[in-house]
Amino acid sequence: MLNPPVRLGTKTGSQRINKRLSTSQWKELSMAIETAHLWGIPSDIKDYSIYDGDYWIIEVRKGDRYQMVHRSSSELTVEQMGLKFVELAELTD
């Protein structure tokens, strides 16, 4: 989780949360990843506009597979997947 102010290429403002998920939580997260088509979308898009101030950088790994995606919240499925990460990490109020 990156907290402002964040400078690219630094670890300033970052926090790592490790948590073991239950089977049902893992299924929820897996479904969010599949719904967002994370394994099939490009990591980057050329539109760097941020419409509402939220910006998601999501990294996943499964075995030897790795994917990183970064998008603004204007891409709804990526935002929903990011919110699922936040929920399962218990970062919500």
PDB file of N, CA and C in Angstrom:
ATOM      1  N   MET A   1       0.854  -1.156   0.000  1.00  0.00           N
ATOM      2  CA  MET A   1       0.000   0.000   0.000  1.00  0.00           C
ATOM      3  C   MET A   1       0.901   1.220   0.000  1.00  0.00           C
ATOM      4  N   LEU A   2       0.702   2.113  -0.951  1.00  0.00           N
ATOM      5  CA  LEU A   2       1.491   3.328  -1.046  1.00  0.00           C
ATOM      6  C   LEU A   2       0.696   4.488  -0.470  1.00  0.00           C
ATOM      7  N   ASN A   3       1.341   5.268   0.329  1.00  0.00           N
ATOM      8  CA  ASN A   3       0.708   6.435   0.928  1.00  0.00           C
ATOM      9  C   ASN A   3       1.394   7.691   0.414  1.00  0.00           C
ATOM     10  N   PRO A   4       0.628   8.736   0.090  1.00  0.00           N
ATOM     11  CA  PRO A   4       1.248   9.976  -0.387  1.00  0.00           C
ATOM     12  C   PRO A   4       2.108  10.598   0.698  1.00  0.00           C
ATOM     13  N   PRO A   5       3.126  11.359   0.396  1.00  0.00           N
ATOM     14  CA  PRO A   5       3.612  11.522  -0.985  1.00  0.00           C
ATOM     15  C   PRO A   5       4.512  10.359  -1.374  1.00  0.00           C
ATOM     16  N   VAL A   6       4.321   9.862  -2.573  1.00  0.00           N
ATOM     17  CA  VAL A   6       5.098   8.733  -3.069  1.00  0.00           C
ATOM     18  C   VAL A   6       5.934   9.222  -4.245  1.00  0.00           C
ATOM     19  N   ARG A   7       7.206   8.902  -4.218  1.00  0.00           N
ATOM     20  CA  ARG A   7       8.087   9.215  -5.331  1.00  0.00           C
ATOM     21  C   ARG A   7       8.413   7.912  -6.031  1.00  0.00           C
ATOM     22  N   LEU A   8       8.183   7.873  -7.327  1.00  0.00           N
ATOM     23  CA  LEU A   8       8.442   6.649  -8.080  1.00  0.00           C
ATOM     24  C   LEU A   8       9.894   6.222  -7.913  1.00  0.00           C
ATOM     25  N   GLY A   9      10.090   4.936  -7.767  1.00  0.00           N
ATOM     26  CA  GLY A   9      11.425   4.390  -7.628  1.00  0.00           C
ATOM     27  C   GLY A   9      11.942   4.392  -6.203  1.00  0.00           C
ATOM     28  N   THR A  10      11.115   4.786  -5.256  1.00  0.00           N
ATOM     29  CA  THR A  10      11.527   4.770  -3.853  1.00  0.00           C
ATOM     30  C   THR A  10      10.557   3.917  -3.063  1.00  0.00           C
ATOM     31  N   LYS A  11      10.918   3.584  -1.859  1.00  0.00           N
ATOM     32  CA  LYS A  11      10.027   2.843  -0.984  1.00  0.00           C
ATOM     33  C   LYS A  11       9.355   3.777   0.018  1.00  0.00           C
ATOM     34  N   THR A  12       9.545   5.067  -0.160  1.00  0.00           N
ATOM     35  CA  THR A  12       8.938   6.040   0.737  1.00  0.00           C
ATOM     36  C   THR A  12       7.424   5.917   0.672  1.00  0.00           C
ATOM     37  N   GLY A  13       6.804   5.879   1.814  1.00  0.00           N
ATOM     38  CA  GLY A  13       5.347   5.850   1.851  1.00  0.00           C
ATOM     39  C   GLY A  13       4.746   4.491   1.575  1.00  0.00           C
ATOM     40  N   SER A  14       5.495   3.418   1.749  1.00  0.00           N
ATOM     41  CA  SER A  14       4.930   2.104   1.435  1.00  0.00           C
ATOM     42  C   SER A  14       4.719   1.279   2.695  1.00  0.00           C
ATOM     43  N   GLN A  15       3.778   0.369   2.595  1.00  0.00           N
ATOM     44  CA  GLN A  15       3.473  -0.545   3.690  1.00  0.00           C
ATOM     45  C   GLN A  15       3.123  -1.891   3.081  1.00  0.00           C
ATOM     46  N   ARG A  16       3.651  -2.969   3.627  1.00  0.00           N
ATOM     47  CA  ARG A  16       3.350  -4.318   3.139  1.00  0.00           C
ATOM     48  C   ARG A  16       2.540  -5.042   4.202  1.00  0.00           C
ATOM     49  N   ILE A  17       1.467  -5.678   3.762  1.00  0.00           N
ATOM     50  CA  ILE A  17       0.613  -6.445   4.669  1.00  0.00           C
ATOM     51  C   ILE A  17       0.603  -7.886   4.182  1.00  0.00           C
ATOM     52  N   ASN A  18       0.977  -8.812   5.047  1.00  0.00           N
ATOM     53  CA  ASN A  18       0.916 -10.236   4.743  1.00  0.00           C
ATOM     54  C   ASN A  18      -0.198 -10.835   5.582  1.00  0.00           C
ATOM     55  N   LYS A  19      -1.082 -11.572   4.941  1.00  0.00           N
ATOM     56  CA  LYS A  19      -2.217 -12.153   5.650  1.00  0.00           C
ATOM     57  C   LYS A  19      -2.589 -13.471   4.994  1.00  0.00           C
ATOM     58  N   ARG A  20      -2.845 -14.473   5.808  1.00  0.00           N
ATOM     59  CA  ARG A  20      -3.319 -15.762   5.297  1.00  0.00           C
ATOM     60  C   ARG A  20      -4.824 -15.640   5.066  1.00  0.00           C
ATOM     61  N   LEU A  21      -5.269 -16.024   3.875  1.00  0.00           N
ATOM     62  CA  LEU A  21      -6.688 -15.954   3.543  1.00  0.00           C
ATOM     63  C   LEU A  21      -7.363 -17.294   3.774  1.00  0.00           C
ATOM     64  N   SER A  22      -8.630 -17.228   4.155  1.00  0.00           N
ATOM     65  CA  SER A  22      -9.430 -18.450   4.247  1.00  0.00           C
ATOM     66  C   SER A  22      -9.735 -18.930   2.826  1.00  0.00           C
ATOM     67  N   THR A  23     -10.236 -20.133   2.712  1.00  0.00           N
ATOM     68  CA  THR A  23     -10.593 -20.667   1.399  1.00  0.00           C
ATOM     69  C   THR A  23     -11.627 -19.786   0.711  1.00  0.00           C
ATOM     70  N   SER A  24     -12.636 -19.348   1.442  1.00  0.00           N
ATOM     71  CA  SER A  24     -13.675 -18.504   0.830  1.00  0.00           C
ATOM     72  C   SER A  24     -13.113 -17.136   0.431  1.00  0.00           C
ATOM     73  N   GLN A  25     -12.210 -16.573   1.234  1.00  0.00           N
ATOM     74  CA  GLN A  25     -11.592 -15.292   0.876  1.00  0.00           C
ATOM     75  C   GLN A  25     -10.732 -15.447  -0.377  1.00  0.00           C
ATOM     76  N   TRP A  26      -9.994 -16.562  -0.464  1.00  0.00           N
ATOM     77  CA  TRP A  26      -9.168 -16.802  -1.639  1.00  0.00           C
ATOM     78  C   TRP A  26     -10.042 -16.928  -2.885  1.00  0.00           C
ATOM     79  N   LYS A  27     -11.182 -17.592  -2.762  1.00  0.00           N
ATOM     80  CA  LYS A  27     -12.103 -17.710  -3.901  1.00  0.00           C
ATOM     81  C   LYS A  27     -12.625 -16.344  -4.317  1.00  0.00           C
ATOM     82  N   GLU A  28     -12.957 -15.487  -3.344  1.00  0.00           N
ATOM     83  CA  GLU A  28     -13.417 -14.125  -3.646  1.00  0.00           C
ATOM     84  C   GLU A  28     -12.346 -13.346  -4.410  1.00  0.00           C
ATOM     85  N   LEU A  29     -11.123 -13.418  -3.925  1.00  0.00           N
ATOM     86  CA  LEU A  29     -10.030 -12.694  -4.568  1.00  0.00           C
ATOM     87  C   LEU A  29      -9.741 -13.255  -5.956  1.00  0.00           C
ATOM     88  N   SER A  30      -9.740 -14.560  -6.090  1.00  0.00           N
ATOM     89  CA  SER A  30      -9.519 -15.193  -7.396  1.00  0.00           C
ATOM     90  C   SER A  30     -10.588 -14.776  -8.397  1.00  0.00           C
ATOM     91  N   MET A  31     -11.841 -14.694  -7.931  1.00  0.00           N
ATOM     92  CA  MET A  31     -12.931 -14.265  -8.807  1.00  0.00           C
ATOM     93  C   MET A  31     -12.741 -12.806  -9.241  1.00  0.00           C
ATOM     94  N   ALA A  32     -12.301 -11.946  -8.320  1.00  0.00           N
ATOM     95  CA  ALA A  32     -12.055 -10.541  -8.660  1.00  0.00           C
ATOM     96  C   ALA A  32     -10.928 -10.421  -9.688  1.00  0.00           C
ATOM     97  N   ILE A  33      -9.886 -11.231  -9.537  1.00  0.00           N
ATOM     98  CA  ILE A  33      -8.776 -11.222 -10.489  1.00  0.00           C
ATOM     99  C   ILE A  33      -9.248 -11.682 -11.860  1.00  0.00           C
ATOM    100  N   GLU A  34     -10.042 -12.745 -11.893  1.00  0.00           N
ATOM    101  CA  GLU A  34     -10.563 -13.244 -13.170  1.00  0.00           C
ATOM    102  C   GLU A  34     -11.529 -12.244 -13.812  1.00  0.00           C
ATOM    103  N   THR A  35     -12.400 -11.634 -13.015  1.00  0.00           N
ATOM    104  CA  THR A  35     -13.369 -10.654 -13.538  1.00  0.00           C
ATOM    105  C   THR A  35     -12.650  -9.467 -14.165  1.00  0.00           C
ATOM    106  N   ALA A  36     -11.536  -9.056 -13.572  1.00  0.00           N
ATOM    107  CA  ALA A  36     -10.760  -7.929 -14.104  1.00  0.00           C
ATOM    108  C   ALA A  36      -9.874  -8.355 -15.282  1.00  0.00           C
ATOM    109  N   HIS A  37      -9.876  -9.646 -15.615  1.00  0.00           N
ATOM    110  CA  HIS A  37      -9.042 -10.180 -16.706  1.00  0.00           C
ATOM    111  C   HIS A  37      -7.579  -9.815 -16.502  1.00  0.00           C
ATOM    112  N   LEU A  38      -7.146  -9.851 -15.242  1.00  0.00           N
ATOM    113  CA  LEU A  38      -5.810  -9.381 -14.894  1.00  0.00           C
ATOM    114  C   LEU A  38      -4.712 -10.079 -15.673  1.00  0.00           C
ATOM    115  N   TRP A  39      -4.844 -11.384 -15.879  1.00  0.00           N
ATOM    116  CA  TRP A  39      -3.781 -12.122 -16.559  1.00  0.00           C
ATOM    117  C   TRP A  39      -3.721 -11.825 -18.048  1.00  0.00           C
ATOM    118  N   GLY A  40      -4.754 -11.174 -18.605  1.00  0.00           N
ATOM    119  CA  GLY A  40      -4.763 -10.947 -20.043  1.00  0.00           C
ATOM    120  C   GLY A  40      -4.687  -9.492 -20.474  1.00  0.00           C
ATOM    121  N   ILE A  41      -4.701  -8.545 -19.538  1.00  0.00           N
ATOM    122  CA  ILE A  41      -4.676  -7.137 -19.936  1.00  0.00           C
ATOM    123  C   ILE A  41      -3.248  -6.596 -19.877  1.00  0.00           C
ATOM    124  N   PRO A  42      -2.957  -5.579 -20.689  1.00  0.00           N
ATOM    125  CA  PRO A  42      -1.613  -4.993 -20.637  1.00  0.00           C
ATOM    126  C   PRO A  42      -1.341  -4.364 -19.270  1.00  0.00           C
ATOM    127  N   SER A  43      -0.086  -4.394 -18.858  1.00  0.00           N
ATOM    128  CA  SER A  43       0.285  -3.781 -17.585  1.00  0.00           C
ATOM    129  C   SER A  43       0.070  -2.279 -17.606  1.00  0.00           C
ATOM    130  N   ASP A  44       0.344  -1.682 -18.729  1.00  0.00           N
ATOM    131  CA  ASP A  44       0.303  -0.230 -18.846  1.00  0.00           C
ATOM    132  C   ASP A  44      -0.621   0.176 -19.976  1.00  0.00           C
ATOM    133  N   ILE A  45      -1.240   1.322 -19.827  1.00  0.00           N
ATOM    134  CA  ILE A  45      -1.969   1.938 -20.918  1.00  0.00           C
ATOM    135  C   ILE A  45      -1.398   3.334 -21.105  1.00  0.00           C
ATOM    136  N   LYS A  46      -1.567   3.892 -22.256  1.00  0.00           N
ATOM    137  CA  LYS A  46      -0.943   5.181 -22.552  1.00  0.00           C
ATOM    138  C   LYS A  46      -1.722   6.375 -22.022  1.00  0.00           C
ATOM    139  N   ASP A  47      -2.939   6.170 -21.531  1.00  0.00           N
ATOM    140  CA  ASP A  47      -3.722   7.263 -20.952  1.00  0.00           C
ATOM    141  C   ASP A  47      -3.365   7.375 -19.475  1.00  0.00           C
ATOM    142  N   TYR A  48      -2.615   8.392 -19.124  1.00  0.00           N
ATOM    143  CA  TYR A  48      -2.173   8.572 -17.747  1.00  0.00           C
ATOM    144  C   TYR A  48      -3.092   9.499 -16.959  1.00  0.00           C
ATOM    145  N   SER A  49      -4.290   9.748 -17.481  1.00  0.00           N
ATOM    146  CA  SER A  49      -5.245  10.613 -16.794  1.00  0.00           C
ATOM    147  C   SER A  49      -5.737   9.947 -15.517  1.00  0.00           C
ATOM    148  N   ILE A  50      -5.868  10.724 -14.473  1.00  0.00           N
ATOM    149  CA  ILE A  50      -6.443  10.239 -13.223  1.00  0.00           C
ATOM    150  C   ILE A  50      -7.661  11.107 -12.963  1.00  0.00           C
ATOM    151  N   TYR A  51      -8.831  10.504 -13.100  1.00  0.00           N
ATOM    152  CA  TYR A  51     -10.065  11.272 -13.075  1.00  0.00           C
ATOM    153  C   TYR A  51     -10.553  11.598 -11.669  1.00  0.00           C
ATOM    154  N   ASP A  52     -10.345  10.707 -10.726  1.00  0.00           N
ATOM    155  CA  ASP A  52     -10.896  10.962  -9.395  1.00  0.00           C
ATOM    156  C   ASP A  52      -9.840  10.929  -8.299  1.00  0.00           C
ATOM    157  N   GLY A  53      -8.597  10.882  -8.659  1.00  0.00           N
ATOM    158  CA  GLY A  53      -7.532  10.899  -7.666  1.00  0.00           C
ATOM    159  C   GLY A  53      -7.068   9.529  -7.221  1.00  0.00           C
ATOM    160  N   ASP A  54      -7.827   8.478  -7.499  1.00  0.00           N
ATOM    161  CA  ASP A  54      -7.406   7.125  -7.125  1.00  0.00           C
ATOM    162  C   ASP A  54      -6.586   6.529  -8.257  1.00  0.00           C
ATOM    163  N   TYR A  55      -5.543   5.830  -7.888  1.00  0.00           N
ATOM    164  CA  TYR A  55      -4.698   5.164  -8.869  1.00  0.00           C
ATOM    165  C   TYR A  55      -4.287   3.826  -8.272  1.00  0.00           C
ATOM    166  N   TRP A  56      -4.478   2.765  -9.017  1.00  0.00           N
ATOM    167  CA  TRP A  56      -4.234   1.405  -8.524  1.00  0.00           C
ATOM    168  C   TRP A  56      -2.988   0.825  -9.176  1.00  0.00           C
ATOM    169  N   ILE A  57      -2.098   0.295  -8.364  1.00  0.00           N
ATOM    170  CA  ILE A  57      -0.963  -0.499  -8.830  1.00  0.00           C
ATOM    171  C   ILE A  57      -1.139  -1.864  -8.176  1.00  0.00           C
ATOM    172  N   ILE A  58      -1.442  -2.848  -8.988  1.00  0.00           N
ATOM    173  CA  ILE A  58      -1.766  -4.175  -8.460  1.00  0.00           C
ATOM    174  C   ILE A  58      -0.769  -5.176  -9.026  1.00  0.00           C
ATOM    175  N   GLU A  59      -0.160  -5.953  -8.131  1.00  0.00           N
ATOM    176  CA  GLU A  59       0.784  -6.994  -8.522  1.00  0.00           C
ATOM    177  C   GLU A  59       0.271  -8.332  -8.006  1.00  0.00           C
ATOM    178  N   VAL A  60       0.324  -9.345  -8.862  1.00  0.00           N
ATOM    179  CA  VAL A  60      -0.058 -10.692  -8.449  1.00  0.00           C
ATOM    180  C   VAL A  60       0.987 -11.677  -8.960  1.00  0.00           C
ATOM    181  N   ARG A  61       1.100 -12.774  -8.237  1.00  0.00           N
ATOM    182  CA  ARG A  61       2.020 -13.837  -8.619  1.00  0.00           C
ATOM    183  C   ARG A  61       1.318 -15.158  -8.358  1.00  0.00           C
ATOM    184  N   LYS A  62       1.466 -16.072  -9.310  1.00  0.00           N
ATOM    185  CA  LYS A  62       0.949 -17.427  -9.142  1.00  0.00           C
ATOM    186  C   LYS A  62       1.986 -18.357  -9.745  1.00  0.00           C
ATOM    187  N   GLY A  63       2.714 -19.041  -8.862  1.00  0.00           N
ATOM    188  CA  GLY A  63       3.814 -19.872  -9.340  1.00  0.00           C
ATOM    189  C   GLY A  63       4.867 -18.986  -9.986  1.00  0.00           C
ATOM    190  N   ASP A  64       5.209 -19.290 -11.231  1.00  0.00           N
ATOM    191  CA  ASP A  64       6.185 -18.490 -11.963  1.00  0.00           C
ATOM    192  C   ASP A  64       5.543 -17.327 -12.707  1.00  0.00           C
ATOM    193  N   ARG A  65       4.224 -17.248 -12.693  1.00  0.00           N
ATOM    194  CA  ARG A  65       3.525 -16.159 -13.397  1.00  0.00           C
ATOM    195  C   ARG A  65       3.501 -14.907 -12.535  1.00  0.00           C
ATOM    196  N   TYR A  66       3.739 -13.771 -13.160  1.00  0.00           N
ATOM    197  CA  TYR A  66       3.702 -12.482 -12.475  1.00  0.00           C
ATOM    198  C   TYR A  66       3.008 -11.486 -13.389  1.00  0.00           C
ATOM    199  N   GLN A  67       2.198 -10.637 -12.812  1.00  0.00           N
ATOM    200  CA  GLN A  67       1.545  -9.586 -13.583  1.00  0.00           C
ATOM    201  C   GLN A  67       1.420  -8.343 -12.710  1.00  0.00           C
ATOM    202  N   MET A  68       1.698  -7.200 -13.305  1.00  0.00           N
ATOM    203  CA  MET A  68       1.505  -5.916 -12.660  1.00  0.00           C
ATOM    204  C   MET A  68       0.617  -5.078 -13.558  1.00  0.00           C
ATOM    205  N   VAL A  69      -0.370  -4.437 -12.956  1.00  0.00           N
ATOM    206  CA  VAL A  69      -1.281  -3.567 -13.699  1.00  0.00           C
ATOM    207  C   VAL A  69      -1.384  -2.259 -12.944  1.00  0.00           C
ATOM    208  N   HIS A  70      -1.328  -1.158 -13.672  1.00  0.00           N
ATOM    209  CA  HIS A  70      -1.606   0.118 -13.017  1.00  0.00           C
ATOM    210  C   HIS A  70      -2.597   0.899 -13.862  1.00  0.00           C
ATOM    211  N   ARG A  71      -3.609   1.397 -13.165  1.00  0.00           N
ATOM    212  CA  ARG A  71      -4.718   2.098 -13.807  1.00  0.00           C
ATOM    213  C   ARG A  71      -5.310   3.120 -12.849  1.00  0.00           C
ATOM    214  N   SER A  72      -6.025   4.083 -13.436  1.00  0.00           N
ATOM    215  CA  SER A  72      -6.830   4.985 -12.608  1.00  0.00           C
ATOM    216  C   SER A  72      -8.149   4.285 -12.308  1.00  0.00           C
ATOM    217  N   SER A  73      -8.908   4.831 -11.391  1.00  0.00           N
ATOM    218  CA  SER A  73     -10.176   4.207 -11.002  1.00  0.00           C
ATOM    219  C   SER A  73     -11.234   4.279 -12.088  1.00  0.00           C
ATOM    220  N   SER A  74     -10.925   4.933 -13.197  1.00  0.00           N
ATOM    221  CA  SER A  74     -11.905   4.986 -14.279  1.00  0.00           C
ATOM    222  C   SER A  74     -12.125   3.614 -14.913  1.00  0.00           C
ATOM    223  N   GLU A  75     -11.219   2.669 -14.680  1.00  0.00           N
ATOM    224  CA  GLU A  75     -11.400   1.307 -15.170  1.00  0.00           C
ATOM    225  C   GLU A  75     -12.006   0.481 -14.035  1.00  0.00           C
ATOM    226  N   LEU A  76     -13.309   0.312 -14.084  1.00  0.00           N
ATOM    227  CA  LEU A  76     -14.089  -0.196 -12.964  1.00  0.00           C
ATOM    228  C   LEU A  76     -13.644  -1.566 -12.469  1.00  0.00           C
ATOM    229  N   THR A  77     -13.361  -2.509 -13.357  1.00  0.00           N
ATOM    230  CA  THR A  77     -13.014  -3.857 -12.884  1.00  0.00           C
ATOM    231  C   THR A  77     -11.689  -3.863 -12.128  1.00  0.00           C
ATOM    232  N   VAL A  78     -10.748  -3.023 -12.532  1.00  0.00           N
ATOM    233  CA  VAL A  78      -9.477  -2.933 -11.812  1.00  0.00           C
ATOM    234  C   VAL A  78      -9.715  -2.301 -10.440  1.00  0.00           C
ATOM    235  N   GLU A  79     -10.551  -1.282 -10.384  1.00  0.00           N
ATOM    236  CA  GLU A  79     -10.878  -0.664  -9.098  1.00  0.00           C
ATOM    237  C   GLU A  79     -11.554  -1.669  -8.169  1.00  0.00           C
ATOM    238  N   GLN A  80     -12.505  -2.447  -8.680  1.00  0.00           N
ATOM    239  CA  GLN A  80     -13.195  -3.438  -7.856  1.00  0.00           C
ATOM    240  C   GLN A  80     -12.223  -4.484  -7.319  1.00  0.00           C
ATOM    241  N   MET A  81     -11.258  -4.893  -8.135  1.00  0.00           N
ATOM    242  CA  MET A  81     -10.264  -5.845  -7.679  1.00  0.00           C
ATOM    243  C   MET A  81      -9.390  -5.211  -6.594  1.00  0.00           C
ATOM    244  N   GLY A  82      -8.982  -3.971  -6.788  1.00  0.00           N
ATOM    245  CA  GLY A  82      -8.202  -3.275  -5.773  1.00  0.00           C
ATOM    246  C   GLY A  82      -8.951  -3.142  -4.461  1.00  0.00           C
ATOM    247  N   LEU A  83     -10.233  -2.832  -4.541  1.00  0.00           N
ATOM    248  CA  LEU A  83     -11.055  -2.720  -3.330  1.00  0.00           C
ATOM    249  C   LEU A  83     -11.193  -4.069  -2.626  1.00  0.00           C
ATOM    250  N   LYS A  84     -11.192  -5.157  -3.385  1.00  0.00           N
ATOM    251  CA  LYS A  84     -11.234  -6.494  -2.775  1.00  0.00           C
ATOM    252  C   LYS A  84      -9.940  -6.753  -1.999  1.00  0.00           C
ATOM    253  N   PHE A  85      -8.790  -6.342  -2.535  1.00  0.00           N
ATOM    254  CA  PHE A  85      -7.528  -6.449  -1.799  1.00  0.00           C
ATOM    255  C   PHE A  85      -7.605  -5.668  -0.488  1.00  0.00           C
ATOM    256  N   VAL A  86      -8.118  -4.445  -0.565  1.00  0.00           N
ATOM    257  CA  VAL A  86      -8.242  -3.585   0.623  1.00  0.00           C
ATOM    258  C   VAL A  86      -9.149  -4.235   1.663  1.00  0.00           C
ATOM    259  N   GLU A  87     -10.272  -4.761   1.212  1.00  0.00           N
ATOM    260  CA  GLU A  87     -11.220  -5.416   2.127  1.00  0.00           C
ATOM    261  C   GLU A  87     -10.583  -6.623   2.811  1.00  0.00           C
ATOM    262  N   LEU A  88      -9.936  -7.491   2.025  1.00  0.00           N
ATOM    263  CA  LEU A  88      -9.371  -8.716   2.600  1.00  0.00           C
ATOM    264  C   LEU A  88      -8.170  -8.434   3.501  1.00  0.00           C
ATOM    265  N   ALA A  89      -7.474  -7.320   3.254  1.00  0.00           N
ATOM    266  CA  ALA A  89      -6.368  -6.925   4.135  1.00  0.00           C
ATOM    267  C   ALA A  89      -6.879  -6.213   5.384  1.00  0.00           C
ATOM    268  N   GLU A  90      -8.199  -6.061   5.452  1.00  0.00           N
ATOM    269  CA  GLU A  90      -8.861  -5.409   6.584  1.00  0.00           C
ATOM    270  C   GLU A  90      -8.377  -3.982   6.795  1.00  0.00           C
ATOM    271  N   LEU A  91      -8.254  -3.252   5.673  1.00  0.00           N
ATOM    272  CA  LEU A  91      -7.869  -1.848   5.728  1.00  0.00           C
ATOM    273  C   LEU A  91      -9.064  -0.915   5.733  1.00  0.00           C
ATOM    274  N   THR A  92     -10.263  -1.502   5.688  1.00  0.00           N
ATOM    275  CA  THR A  92     -11.486  -0.691   5.689  1.00  0.00           C
ATOM    276  C   THR A  92     -11.881  -0.363   7.112  1.00  0.00           C
ATOM    277  N   ASP A  93     -12.695   0.692   7.261  1.00  0.00           N
ATOM    278  CA  ASP A  93     -13.176   1.097   8.589  1.00  0.00           C
ATOM    279  C   ASP A  93     -14.248   0.173   9.106  1.00  0.00           C
TER     280      ASP A  93
END
